[in-house]
């Protein structure tokens, strides 16, 4: 019996000890959350106005409180010890560690939630490695638990690089990031930035834009609805409805990159580059613009479009390049070059056009079609009138050859050849063709009833062909012509083609789409990431600072590695748990 009582006594003593320890832990937890009075100075109470509150006011020094690593100073404090909250009035200063200081006219502070609400001339100062950052507003919520602050009554943030203003803003202290909403504006000595919504990192000075955004610099203007911008070096990119006005050119595309220091811009997918001076347009799926060289490089289904005689002229090549100052530009198309307008088209290995001379050169294996007429030679030049900007003349140098399918028989070919060919345009229509030196002709002749009279085969020194509606109207032979008109049955088939005859009718370009071949039409567009496949922006920002191949370091991102951007929800307003009316 004694042994049983002894065991029960020990067990009871143990249980009491455990209960006391648990109560002690609870008391310690409560004590750790309690707002502590460091210096109370003058003490009063006013149960009628502030029931249950202790009122402290300064004497020769301010009232001071401490709470979990933060100190607060003020002239007057209304302290609700039981509810663990206080209201600080007059010259209020809240200090958290060595890096965060909040000053204002008033602060409501809740020790249970660690939430502060500051009023009247609020100033939040954060000391960072990149320099001090200040936030000014009328009312600021400061959540010490999550280390975030928030305002919705207009605020101004100033760091070593920029001044930023917005109607709504949230500051994430652990990652030194601001989220701005509604009328966001960045003021910088070199540019301004306006956006509907923007994330800004105060350490890197990088901005991520969401919604309609415009950046206006001294020599450029950028618009996008999703993008990134390094505000220190003025470089960045847009990946939604992006447009850059840059050096007399407008650049648009699915993804557009810009770098002020390199005087460089590039674009990927569905690109349009507009020359605002010469009213020319380049379309492609990849393009680069170099301001210092005043040049454009384009590839991937690239086409240059210009207006000639109220008719669009389309020029294509595997690669297009436009260089030179306005009114003195040179356009080049490399590899598989082609051009098309309503009544004139052609192709060659490469094409060169000079605005200064008005000469378009077709280089290597050239061929042009004017109506049904095919013209070939070693080199072909098309010359424009510089004053009227109309098509003026045509030159085919060496081995000039003109061929057209006989429009009636559909089996024979009208042909003329010579050393050189010179053509004259009138009102954009080829009217006169002169063939000179060692000229030869084969021509099918018909009467008014479209009955074949015979086949004219003549040799002479010069031939003039008069055209009407892109068809032969008259032939004139000069200087010792030698030839005859042969009945069809008397001229063998092998004698009905001049030496060097090559018919390339199946290559004729009859529409604008005809300038593109199968490879051009099967171009696989680069996947522009960042809208449909978002990632964590904070992780992206951390990675960006370590990646030497991104726009932060002045190098455009590879086409298949366009940085992603994360869509963010509009920040929710932080609510004060204490009733502000209790402190009136």
Protein backbone atom coordinates (compact mmCIF):
# COMPACT_ATOMS: atom_id res chain seq x y z
CA UNK A 1 0.00 0.00 0.00
CA UNK A 2 2.83 2.38 0.90
CA UNK A 3 4.55 1.58 -2.39
CA UNK A 4 1.37 2.38 -4.34
CA UNK A 5 0.95 5.77 -2.56
CA UNK A 6 4.60 6.54 -3.27
CA UNK A 7 4.15 5.87 -6.99
CA UNK A 8 0.97 7.97 -7.14
CA UNK A 9 2.68 10.83 -5.34
CA UNK A 10 5.64 10.81 -7.77
CA UNK A 11 3.31 10.65 -10.75
CA UNK A 12 1.29 13.58 -9.44
CA UNK A 13 4.44 15.58 -8.81
CA UNK A 14 5.62 14.84 -12.38
CA UNK A 15 2.29 15.93 -13.92
CA UNK A 16 2.30 19.16 -11.93
CA UNK A 17 5.85 19.84 -13.09
CA UNK A 18 4.91 19.27 -16.75
CA UNK A 19 1.90 21.57 -16.40
CA UNK A 20 4.10 24.25 -14.83
CA UNK A 21 6.65 23.94 -17.67
CA UNK A 22 3.91 24.22 -20.31
CA UNK A 23 2.44 27.25 -18.57
CA UNK A 24 5.93 28.75 -18.39
CA UNK A 25 6.37 28.23 -22.16
CA UNK A 26 3.02 29.91 -22.80
CA UNK A 27 3.99 32.81 -20.56
CA UNK A 28 7.35 33.13 -22.35
CA UNK A 29 5.59 33.11 -25.75
CA UNK A 30 3.16 35.78 -24.60
CA UNK A 31 6.02 37.78 -23.11
CA UNK A 32 7.99 37.58 -26.40
CA UNK A 33 5.05 39.08 -28.31
CA UNK A 34 4.47 41.84 -25.79
CA UNK A 35 5.35 45.41 -26.71
CA UNK A 36 7.92 46.56 -24.14
CA UNK A 37 8.20 50.04 -22.64
CA UNK A 38 11.82 51.22 -22.76
CA UNK A 39 11.21 54.80 -21.63
CA UNK A 40 7.79 56.01 -20.57
CA UNK A 41 8.54 59.56 -19.33
CA UNK A 42 5.23 61.15 -18.23
CA UNK A 43 2.38 58.74 -17.49
CA UNK A 44 -1.37 59.47 -17.39
CA UNK A 45 -4.71 57.75 -18.04
CA UNK A 46 -7.95 58.97 -19.61
CA UNK A 47 -10.61 56.29 -19.23
CA UNK A 48 -13.30 58.48 -20.76
CA UNK A 49 -11.45 58.93 -24.06
CA UNK A 50 -9.06 55.97 -24.08
CA UNK A 51 -10.51 53.23 -21.85
CA UNK A 52 -7.94 50.66 -20.77
CA UNK A 53 -5.03 52.62 -22.24
CA UNK A 54 -1.88 54.01 -20.67
CA UNK A 55 -0.76 57.37 -22.01
CA UNK A 56 2.90 58.26 -22.15
CA UNK A 57 4.37 61.63 -23.20
CA UNK A 58 7.92 62.88 -23.58
CA UNK A 59 9.84 65.05 -21.20
CA UNK A 60 13.43 65.81 -22.11
CA UNK A 61 13.47 62.79 -24.43
CA UNK A 62 10.95 60.88 -26.49
CA UNK A 63 8.90 57.94 -25.37
CA UNK A 64 10.48 54.68 -26.50
CA UNK A 65 9.07 51.15 -27.07
CA UNK A 66 10.69 47.92 -28.23
CA UNK A 67 9.15 44.93 -29.97
CA UNK A 68 10.93 41.89 -31.42
CA UNK A 69 13.95 43.64 -32.91
CA UNK A 70 12.30 46.98 -33.64
CA UNK A 71 12.39 50.23 -31.66
CA UNK A 72 9.80 52.99 -31.80
CA UNK A 73 10.14 56.60 -30.62
CA UNK A 74 7.38 59.23 -30.43
CA UNK A 75 6.20 62.30 -28.50
CA UNK A 76 2.98 60.70 -27.23
CA UNK A 77 2.04 57.01 -27.00
CA UNK A 78 -1.40 55.57 -26.24
CA UNK A 79 -0.60 52.03 -25.13
CA UNK A 80 -3.15 49.21 -24.74
CA UNK A 81 -1.09 46.66 -22.85
CA UNK A 82 -3.85 44.06 -22.59
CA UNK A 83 -4.50 44.16 -26.35
CA UNK A 84 -0.78 44.54 -27.06
CA UNK A 85 -1.15 47.51 -29.37
CA UNK A 86 -0.32 51.18 -29.33
CA UNK A 87 -0.78 54.44 -31.16
CA UNK A 88 2.25 56.69 -31.50
CA UNK A 89 1.83 60.41 -32.14
CA UNK A 90 4.25 63.20 -33.05
CA UNK A 91 7.66 62.80 -34.67
CA UNK A 92 7.28 59.05 -34.82
CA UNK A 93 10.27 56.91 -35.79
CA UNK A 94 10.26 53.14 -36.18
CA UNK A 95 13.69 51.55 -36.48
CA UNK A 96 14.20 47.91 -37.57
CA UNK A 97 17.83 46.82 -37.39
CA UNK A 98 20.36 48.97 -39.22
CA UNK A 99 18.64 48.98 -42.60
CA UNK A 100 14.98 50.05 -42.18
CA UNK A 101 13.72 53.32 -40.69
CA UNK A 102 10.11 54.58 -40.87
CA UNK A 103 9.17 58.12 -39.85
CA UNK A 104 5.73 59.75 -39.86
CA UNK A 105 3.31 61.91 -37.88
CA UNK A 106 1.36 58.91 -36.52
CA UNK A 107 1.70 55.13 -36.34
CA UNK A 108 -0.76 52.45 -35.23
CA UNK A 109 1.11 49.31 -34.23
CA UNK A 110 -0.28 45.85 -33.39
CA UNK A 111 2.12 43.64 -31.45
CA UNK A 112 0.11 40.48 -32.18
CA UNK A 113 0.33 40.79 -35.98
CA UNK A 114 3.46 42.98 -36.11
CA UNK A 115 1.55 45.29 -38.43
CA UNK A 116 2.15 49.04 -38.48
CA UNK A 117 0.04 51.68 -40.17
CA UNK A 118 1.78 55.02 -40.62
CA UNK A 119 0.06 58.35 -41.40
CA UNK A 120 1.10 61.91 -42.29
CA UNK A 121 4.28 62.60 -44.28
CA UNK A 122 5.40 58.99 -44.20
CA UNK A 123 9.04 58.32 -45.08
CA UNK A 124 10.46 54.80 -45.29
CA UNK A 125 14.24 54.62 -45.69
CA UNK A 126 16.04 51.39 -46.61
CA UNK A 127 19.81 51.15 -46.65
CA UNK A 128 21.03 48.74 -49.33
CA UNK A 129 24.37 47.78 -50.85
CA UNK A 130 23.43 49.68 -53.99
CA UNK A 131 22.67 52.81 -51.93
CA UNK A 132 19.78 54.26 -49.94
CA UNK A 133 16.19 53.90 -51.16
CA UNK A 134 13.41 56.16 -49.86
CA UNK A 135 9.63 55.82 -50.06
CA UNK A 136 7.31 58.78 -49.40
CA UNK A 137 3.52 58.56 -49.13
CA UNK A 138 0.58 59.73 -47.02
CA UNK A 139 -0.38 56.35 -45.58
CA UNK A 140 1.78 53.23 -45.42
CA UNK A 141 1.13 49.72 -44.11
CA UNK A 142 4.23 47.94 -42.84
CA UNK A 143 3.93 44.19 -42.18
CA UNK A 144 6.99 43.21 -40.14
CA UNK A 145 5.98 39.55 -40.13
CA UNK A 146 6.21 39.21 -43.93
CA UNK A 147 8.65 42.12 -44.32
CA UNK A 148 6.39 43.91 -46.78
CA UNK A 149 5.03 47.45 -46.91
CA UNK A 150 2.11 48.74 -48.94
CA UNK A 151 0.44 52.00 -49.94
CA UNK A 152 -2.66 52.85 -51.99
CA UNK A 153 -2.69 56.64 -51.72
CA UNK A 154 0.10 57.54 -54.17
CA UNK A 155 3.77 57.19 -53.36
CA UNK A 156 7.24 58.20 -54.53
CA UNK A 157 10.32 55.96 -54.44
CA UNK A 158 13.79 57.39 -54.98
CA UNK A 159 17.03 55.42 -55.38
CA UNK A 160 20.45 56.25 -56.79
CA UNK A 161 19.21 55.92 -60.37
CA UNK A 162 15.49 56.67 -60.64
CA UNK A 163 12.48 58.44 -59.16
CA UNK A 164 9.37 56.25 -59.32
CA UNK A 165 5.79 57.26 -58.61
CA UNK A 166 2.52 55.29 -58.61
CA UNK A 167 -0.93 55.27 -57.03
CA UNK A 168 -0.49 51.81 -55.49
CA UNK A 169 2.73 50.12 -54.45
CA UNK A 170 4.12 47.22 -52.44
CA UNK A 171 7.68 46.84 -51.18
CA UNK A 172 9.14 43.34 -50.62
CA UNK A 173 12.11 44.01 -48.33
CA UNK A 174 13.75 40.60 -48.42
CA UNK A 175 14.28 40.73 -52.20
CA UNK A 176 14.44 44.55 -52.49
CA UNK A 177 11.54 44.60 -54.92
CA UNK A 178 8.71 47.04 -55.50
CA UNK A 179 5.43 46.24 -57.22
CA UNK A 180 3.79 49.35 -58.64
CA UNK A 181 0.21 49.66 -59.91
CA UNK A 182 -1.82 52.42 -61.53
CA UNK A 183 -0.13 55.43 -63.20
CA UNK A 184 3.40 54.12 -62.71
CA UNK A 185 6.05 56.67 -63.74
CA UNK A 186 9.86 56.51 -63.70
CA UNK A 187 11.81 59.73 -64.06
CA UNK A 188 15.45 59.47 -65.10
CA UNK A 189 17.75 62.20 -66.50
CA UNK A 190 18.03 60.18 -69.73
CA UNK A 191 14.46 58.94 -70.20
CA UNK A 192 10.98 58.51 -68.71
CA UNK A 193 8.98 55.30 -68.30
CA UNK A 194 5.20 55.06 -67.89
CA UNK A 195 3.38 51.81 -67.21
CA UNK A 196 0.13 50.34 -65.97
CA UNK A 197 1.95 47.84 -63.75
CA UNK A 198 5.64 47.35 -63.04
CA UNK A 199 8.01 45.30 -60.85
CA UNK A 200 11.20 47.13 -59.89
CA UNK A 201 14.28 45.71 -58.17
CA UNK A 202 16.16 48.42 -56.30
CA UNK A 203 19.44 46.48 -56.22
CA UNK A 204 19.75 45.74 -59.94
CA UNK A 205 17.52 48.66 -61.09
CA UNK A 206 15.70 46.20 -63.37
CA UNK A 207 12.06 46.84 -64.29
CA UNK A 208 9.49 44.27 -65.46
CA UNK A 209 6.49 45.83 -67.22
CA UNK A 210 2.92 44.51 -67.44
CA UNK A 211 0.18 46.18 -69.43
CA UNK A 212 0.61 49.23 -71.72
CA UNK A 213 4.07 50.71 -71.08
CA UNK A 214 6.05 53.46 -72.80
CA UNK A 215 9.75 54.35 -72.45
CA UNK A 216 10.77 57.68 -73.99
CA UNK A 217 14.47 58.50 -74.41
CA UNK A 218 16.26 61.26 -76.25
CA UNK A 219 16.50 59.31 -79.52
CA UNK A 220 14.06 56.43 -79.05
CA UNK A 221 10.58 55.52 -77.88
CA UNK A 222 9.54 52.01 -76.81
CA UNK A 223 6.02 50.69 -76.33
CA UNK A 224 5.10 47.21 -75.11
CA UNK A 225 2.52 45.39 -73.02
CA UNK A 226 4.95 42.93 -71.45
CA UNK A 227 8.65 43.57 -71.17
CA UNK A 228 11.92 43.99 -69.29
CA UNK A 229 14.15 47.06 -68.97
CA UNK A 230 17.52 47.57 -67.32
CA UNK A 231 17.19 51.19 -66.20
CA UNK A 232 20.94 51.62 -65.55
CA UNK A 233 22.13 50.98 -69.10
CA UNK A 234 18.88 51.55 -71.00
CA UNK A 235 18.51 48.10 -72.51
CA UNK A 236 15.66 45.63 -72.52
CA UNK A 237 13.04 43.85 -74.54
CA UNK A 238 9.29 43.56 -75.08
CA UNK A 239 7.42 40.34 -75.81
CA UNK A 240 3.87 41.56 -76.34
CA UNK A 241 2.68 44.18 -78.87
CA UNK A 242 6.12 45.76 -78.92
CA UNK A 243 7.11 48.80 -80.98
CA UNK A 244 10.34 50.83 -81.01
CA UNK A 245 10.63 54.21 -82.76
CA UNK A 246 14.35 54.38 -83.42
CA UNK A 247 16.45 56.50 -85.78
CA UNK A 248 13.76 57.23 -88.42
CA UNK A 249 12.59 53.63 -88.21
CA UNK A 250 9.71 51.90 -86.47
CA UNK A 251 10.44 48.32 -85.36
CA UNK A 252 7.58 45.98 -84.44
CA UNK A 253 7.57 42.25 -83.67
CA UNK A 254 6.58 39.49 -81.29
CA UNK A 255 9.85 39.96 -79.40
CA UNK A 256 11.91 43.15 -79.75
CA UNK A 257 15.25 43.87 -78.00
CA UNK A 258 16.90 47.28 -77.53
CA UNK A 259 20.35 48.37 -76.32
CA UNK A 260 21.15 52.08 -76.22
CA UNK A 261 24.89 51.69 -75.52
CA UNK A 262 25.41 49.44 -78.54
CA UNK A 263 22.99 51.55 -80.60
CA UNK A 264 21.34 48.29 -81.51
CA UNK A 265 17.86 46.77 -81.75
CA UNK A 266 16.70 43.34 -82.88
CA UNK A 267 13.36 41.64 -83.36
CA UNK A 268 12.04 38.09 -83.72
CA UNK A 269 8.82 36.76 -85.32
CA UNK A 270 6.29 38.72 -87.39
CA UNK A 271 8.55 41.75 -87.75
CA UNK A 272 7.75 45.00 -89.49
CA UNK A 273 10.51 47.62 -89.89
CA UNK A 274 9.16 50.88 -91.32
CA UNK A 275 11.42 53.56 -92.82
CA UNK A 276 9.57 56.75 -91.91
CA UNK A 277 11.67 58.89 -94.27
CA UNK A 278 11.52 56.77 -97.43
CA UNK A 279 8.16 55.13 -96.64
CA UNK A 280 9.65 51.68 -97.13
CA UNK A 281 8.77 48.57 -95.13
CA UNK A 282 10.69 45.38 -94.35
CA UNK A 283 8.85 42.29 -93.13
CA UNK A 284 10.69 39.24 -91.78
CA UNK A 285 10.94 36.87 -88.84
CA UNK A 286 14.35 38.10 -87.67
CA UNK A 287 15.88 41.55 -88.03
CA UNK A 288 18.65 43.71 -86.59
CA UNK A 289 18.96 47.51 -86.66
CA UNK A 290 22.30 49.27 -86.13
CA UNK A 291 21.87 53.00 -85.49
CA UNK A 292 25.54 54.00 -85.86
CA UNK A 293 25.74 52.33 -89.28
CA UNK A 294 22.18 53.35 -90.14
CA UNK A 295 21.52 49.82 -91.32
CA UNK A 296 18.94 47.05 -91.19
CA UNK A 297 19.65 43.33 -91.54
CA UNK A 298 16.70 40.95 -92.05
CA UNK A 299 16.25 37.26 -92.74
CA UNK A 300 13.66 34.44 -92.46
CA UNK A 301 11.06 35.16 -95.15
CA UNK A 302 12.37 38.70 -95.45
CA UNK A 303 10.73 41.09 -97.94
CA UNK A 304 11.26 44.79 -98.64
CA UNK A 305 8.19 46.73 -99.77
CA UNK A 306 8.38 50.14 -101.44
CA UNK A 307 5.99 52.26 -103.46
CA UNK A 308 6.72 52.79 -107.16
CA UNK A 309 4.16 54.56 -109.38
CA UNK A 310 1.38 53.89 -106.84
CA UNK A 311 2.30 50.21 -107.12
CA UNK A 312 4.05 48.18 -104.43
CA UNK A 313 7.46 46.75 -105.32
CA UNK A 314 8.35 43.62 -103.33
CA UNK A 315 11.99 42.55 -103.01
CA UNK A 316 13.03 39.28 -101.36
CA UNK A 317 16.19 37.34 -100.63
CA UNK A 318 17.42 34.86 -98.04
CA UNK A 319 19.01 37.93 -96.47
CA UNK A 320 18.11 41.60 -96.88
CA UNK A 321 20.37 44.50 -95.90
CA UNK A 322 19.64 48.23 -96.02
CA UNK A 323 22.46 50.67 -95.24
CA UNK A 324 23.13 54.40 -95.48
CA UNK A 325 21.54 57.68 -94.52
CA UNK A 326 18.02 58.65 -95.65
CA UNK A 327 17.78 59.43 -99.38
CA UNK A 328 21.15 57.73 -99.85
CA UNK A 329 20.30 54.21 -98.79
CA UNK A 330 21.55 51.05 -100.48
CA UNK A 331 19.35 47.94 -100.44
CA UNK A 332 20.78 44.48 -101.03
CA UNK A 333 19.18 41.06 -101.35
CA UNK A 334 21.53 38.07 -101.05
CA UNK A 335 21.01 34.54 -102.30
CA UNK A 336 17.91 33.65 -104.26
CA UNK A 337 16.91 37.29 -104.76
CA UNK A 338 13.52 38.04 -106.33
CA UNK A 339 11.31 41.06 -106.91
CA UNK A 340 7.72 41.62 -108.02
CA UNK A 341 5.42 44.44 -109.03
CA UNK A 342 2.22 44.24 -111.07
CA UNK A 343 3.82 44.30 -114.55
CA UNK A 344 7.48 43.60 -113.79
CA UNK A 345 9.22 40.79 -111.92
CA UNK A 346 12.61 39.15 -111.81
CA UNK A 347 15.10 36.93 -110.03
CA UNK A 348 18.87 36.51 -109.72
CA UNK A 349 21.50 35.39 -107.26
CA UNK A 350 21.80 38.83 -105.63
CA UNK A 351 20.29 42.27 -106.06
CA UNK A 352 21.68 45.77 -105.38
CA UNK A 353 19.67 49.02 -105.33
CA UNK A 354 21.06 52.55 -104.80
CA UNK A 355 18.69 55.42 -103.99
CA UNK A 356 21.38 57.92 -104.98
CA UNK A 357 21.68 56.61 -108.57
CA UNK A 358 18.24 55.02 -108.86
CA UNK A 359 19.86 51.87 -110.30
CA UNK A 360 18.78 48.35 -109.41
CA UNK A 361 21.38 45.75 -110.40
CA UNK A 362 20.49 42.07 -110.88
CA UNK A 363 23.71 40.15 -110.41
CA UNK A 364 24.50 36.59 -111.59
CA UNK A 365 22.08 34.55 -113.68
CA UNK A 366 19.45 37.32 -113.87
CA UNK A 367 16.05 37.12 -115.55
CA UNK A 368 13.17 39.61 -115.68
CA UNK A 369 9.64 39.38 -117.00
CA UNK A 370 7.76 42.35 -118.42
CA UNK A 371 4.29 41.07 -119.19
CA UNK A 372 4.85 37.90 -121.23
CA UNK A 373 8.37 38.92 -122.23
CA UNK A 374 11.36 37.17 -120.68
CA UNK A 375 14.73 38.99 -120.73
CA UNK A 376 18.08 37.52 -119.75
CA UNK A 377 21.74 38.50 -119.94
CA UNK A 378 24.97 38.51 -117.96
CA UNK A 379 23.83 41.55 -115.97
CA UNK A 380 20.57 43.52 -115.86
CA UNK A 381 20.07 47.11 -114.64
CA UNK A 382 16.74 48.79 -113.94
CA UNK A 383 17.01 52.59 -113.77
CA UNK A 384 14.54 54.90 -112.00
CA UNK A 385 14.07 58.62 -112.63
CA UNK A 386 15.38 60.35 -109.47
CA UNK A 387 13.03 63.31 -109.81
CA UNK A 388 9.79 61.52 -110.65
CA UNK A 389 10.76 58.24 -108.92
CA UNK A 390 9.23 56.43 -111.88
CA UNK A 391 10.74 53.53 -113.79
CA UNK A 392 12.85 55.13 -116.53
CA UNK A 393 14.92 52.57 -118.44
CA UNK A 394 16.37 49.08 -118.67
CA UNK A 395 19.81 47.73 -119.57
CA UNK A 396 20.82 44.14 -120.29
CA UNK A 397 24.60 43.91 -120.58
CA UNK A 398 26.20 41.10 -122.62
CA UNK A 399 24.30 38.16 -124.12
CA UNK A 400 21.00 40.03 -124.12
CA UNK A 401 18.09 37.76 -125.01
CA UNK A 402 14.35 38.47 -125.10
CA UNK A 403 11.78 35.67 -125.52
CA UNK A 404 8.00 35.41 -125.44
CA UNK A 405 5.68 32.51 -126.12
CA UNK A 406 3.77 32.98 -129.38
CA UNK A 407 0.38 34.04 -128.07
CA UNK A 408 -1.58 32.37 -130.93
CA UNK A 409 0.09 29.04 -131.67
CA UNK A 410 1.21 28.53 -128.04
CA UNK A 411 3.98 26.33 -129.43
CA UNK A 412 6.54 28.68 -130.94
CA UNK A 413 8.65 31.41 -129.34
CA UNK A 414 9.32 34.96 -130.53
CA UNK A 415 12.99 35.68 -129.94
CA UNK A 416 15.49 38.49 -130.28
CA UNK A 417 19.10 38.60 -129.17
CA UNK A 418 22.13 40.86 -129.30
CA UNK A 419 25.16 41.89 -127.35
CA UNK A 420 23.29 44.51 -125.30
CA UNK A 421 19.69 45.57 -124.80
CA UNK A 422 18.34 49.01 -123.88
CA UNK A 423 14.71 49.57 -122.97
CA UNK A 424 12.71 52.75 -122.32
CA UNK A 425 9.71 53.00 -119.98
CA UNK A 426 6.90 55.52 -120.46
CA UNK A 427 4.41 55.86 -117.62
CA UNK A 428 5.85 52.75 -116.03
CA UNK A 429 5.27 50.69 -119.21
CA UNK A 430 8.09 49.33 -121.38
CA UNK A 431 7.60 51.03 -124.78
CA UNK A 432 10.85 50.73 -126.77
CA UNK A 433 13.55 48.05 -126.82
CA UNK A 434 16.82 48.46 -128.72
CA UNK A 435 19.06 45.46 -129.34
CA UNK A 436 22.54 46.28 -130.66
CA UNK A 437 25.49 44.36 -132.11
CA UNK A 438 25.12 40.92 -133.71
CA UNK A 439 21.38 40.94 -133.42
CA UNK A 440 19.10 38.11 -134.53
CA UNK A 441 15.33 37.71 -134.61
CA UNK A 442 12.81 34.90 -134.94
CA UNK A 443 9.27 36.24 -135.09
CA UNK A 444 5.90 34.61 -135.87
CA UNK A 445 3.89 36.87 -138.23
CA UNK A 446 0.06 36.76 -138.53
CA UNK A 447 -2.57 38.56 -140.60
CA UNK A 448 -5.64 40.29 -139.19
CA UNK A 449 -7.46 36.95 -139.04
CA UNK A 450 -4.71 35.45 -136.85
CA UNK A 451 -3.54 33.27 -139.72
CA UNK A 452 0.17 32.54 -139.75
CA UNK A 453 1.88 34.31 -142.65
CA UNK A 454 5.32 32.93 -141.87
CA UNK A 455 8.26 32.99 -139.49
CA UNK A 456 10.62 35.95 -139.84
CA UNK A 457 14.26 35.05 -139.29
CA UNK A 458 16.63 38.01 -139.69
CA UNK A 459 20.21 39.00 -138.81
CA UNK A 460 21.35 42.65 -138.61
CA UNK A 461 23.36 45.14 -136.55
CA UNK A 462 20.46 46.73 -134.65
CA UNK A 463 16.82 45.96 -133.96
CA UNK A 464 14.20 48.29 -132.50
CA UNK A 465 11.13 46.67 -130.97
CA UNK A 466 8.14 48.91 -130.32
CA UNK A 467 5.85 47.63 -127.56
CA UNK A 468 2.19 48.21 -126.77
CA UNK A 469 0.43 46.68 -123.77
CA UNK A 470 3.55 44.63 -123.05
CA UNK A 471 3.36 42.98 -126.50
CA UNK A 472 5.36 43.49 -129.71
CA UNK A 473 3.74 46.10 -131.96
CA UNK A 474 6.50 46.66 -134.55
CA UNK A 475 9.99 45.50 -135.50
CA UNK A 476 12.51 47.79 -137.19
CA UNK A 477 15.78 46.39 -138.62
CA UNK A 478 18.68 48.76 -139.30
CA UNK A 479 22.12 48.44 -140.82
CA UNK A 480 22.35 45.64 -143.39
CA UNK A 481 19.51 43.35 -142.38
CA UNK A 482 19.74 39.84 -143.83
CA UNK A 483 16.82 37.50 -143.53
CA UNK A 484 13.53 36.24 -144.88
CA UNK A 485 10.02 35.20 -143.95
CA UNK A 486 9.76 31.40 -144.11
CA UNK A 487 6.57 29.42 -144.45
CA UNK A 488 6.14 27.29 -141.36
CA UNK A 489 6.65 24.03 -143.28
CA UNK A 490 9.97 25.26 -144.70
CA UNK A 491 11.60 26.11 -141.38
CA UNK A 492 12.61 22.99 -139.42
CA UNK A 493 11.86 22.93 -135.67
CA UNK A 494 15.56 22.94 -134.78
CA UNK A 495 15.96 26.17 -136.76
CA UNK A 496 13.21 27.97 -134.87
CA UNK A 497 15.36 28.65 -131.80
CA UNK A 498 18.31 31.02 -131.64
CA UNK A 499 21.57 29.89 -130.14
CA UNK A 500 21.50 30.41 -126.36
CA UNK A 501 17.71 30.02 -126.17
CA UNK A 502 16.50 29.08 -122.66
CA UNK A 503 12.83 29.31 -121.71
CA UNK A 504 12.27 29.97 -118.02
CA UNK A 505 8.55 30.57 -118.10
CA UNK A 506 7.87 28.14 -115.27
CA UNK A 507 10.01 30.39 -113.03
CA UNK A 508 8.00 33.51 -113.79
CA UNK A 509 6.80 35.36 -110.67
CA UNK A 510 3.13 36.21 -111.15
CA UNK A 511 2.10 37.25 -107.62
CA UNK A 512 3.65 38.76 -104.53
CA UNK A 513 3.58 35.33 -102.86
CA UNK A 514 5.60 33.99 -105.81
CA UNK A 515 8.76 35.63 -104.47
CA UNK A 516 8.84 33.04 -101.68
CA UNK A 517 9.89 29.44 -102.19
CA UNK A 518 9.01 26.35 -100.17
CA UNK A 519 11.71 26.94 -97.57
CA UNK A 520 10.47 30.49 -96.97
CA UNK A 521 6.91 29.30 -96.48
CA UNK A 522 7.98 26.58 -94.04
CA UNK A 523 9.99 28.77 -91.67
CA UNK A 524 9.59 27.53 -88.10
CA UNK A 525 9.04 30.50 -85.81
CA UNK A 526 10.98 30.75 -82.58
CA UNK A 527 8.90 30.08 -79.47
CA UNK A 528 8.66 33.39 -77.61
CA UNK A 529 8.37 32.31 -74.01
CA UNK A 530 7.13 34.34 -71.09
CA UNK A 531 3.39 34.75 -71.58
CA UNK A 532 1.99 31.23 -71.81
CA UNK A 533 4.74 29.62 -69.71
CA UNK A 534 5.55 31.98 -66.81
CA UNK A 535 8.11 31.35 -64.10
CA UNK A 536 9.01 32.98 -60.80
CA UNK A 537 10.25 36.53 -61.49
CA UNK A 538 12.32 36.60 -58.30
CA UNK A 539 14.17 33.47 -59.40
CA UNK A 540 14.54 34.95 -62.88
CA UNK A 541 16.05 38.11 -61.41
CA UNK A 542 18.53 36.13 -59.32
CA UNK A 543 19.54 34.07 -62.35
CA UNK A 544 19.80 37.14 -64.56
CA UNK A 545 22.52 38.69 -62.39
CA UNK A 546 24.67 35.57 -62.90
CA UNK A 547 23.99 35.06 -66.60
CA UNK A 548 26.49 36.80 -68.89
CA UNK A 549 24.37 36.08 -71.96
CA UNK A 550 21.35 38.24 -71.20
CA UNK A 551 20.34 41.87 -71.83
CA UNK A 552 21.56 43.00 -68.38
CA UNK A 553 25.11 42.67 -69.71
CA UNK A 554 24.33 44.23 -73.06
CA UNK A 555 24.05 40.98 -75.02
CA UNK A 556 20.69 40.12 -76.59
CA UNK A 557 19.17 36.80 -75.51
CA UNK A 558 19.45 33.90 -77.96
CA UNK A 559 16.32 33.53 -80.05
CA UNK A 560 15.30 30.29 -78.36
CA UNK A 561 16.02 31.58 -74.88
CA UNK A 562 13.89 34.68 -74.64
CA UNK A 563 13.64 35.37 -70.87
CA UNK A 564 10.30 34.55 -69.36
CA UNK A 565 8.13 37.00 -67.46
CA UNK A 566 5.69 36.06 -64.76
CA UNK A 567 2.21 37.57 -64.67
CA UNK A 568 1.36 38.89 -61.22
CA UNK A 569 -1.94 39.48 -59.52
CA UNK A 570 -2.83 42.96 -58.40
CA UNK A 571 -1.57 43.22 -54.78
CA UNK A 572 -4.23 42.84 -52.16
CA UNK A 573 -4.60 45.68 -49.70
CA UNK A 574 -3.08 44.94 -46.31
CA UNK A 575 -5.70 45.48 -43.62
CA UNK A 576 -5.05 46.79 -40.13
CA UNK A 577 -6.47 44.39 -37.54
CA UNK A 578 -6.86 47.08 -34.89
CA UNK A 579 -9.75 49.53 -35.12
CA UNK A 580 -8.26 52.96 -35.93
CA UNK A 581 -11.30 54.65 -34.42
CA UNK A 582 -10.14 53.57 -30.98
CA UNK A 583 -7.24 55.98 -31.27
CA UNK A 584 -9.23 59.12 -32.20
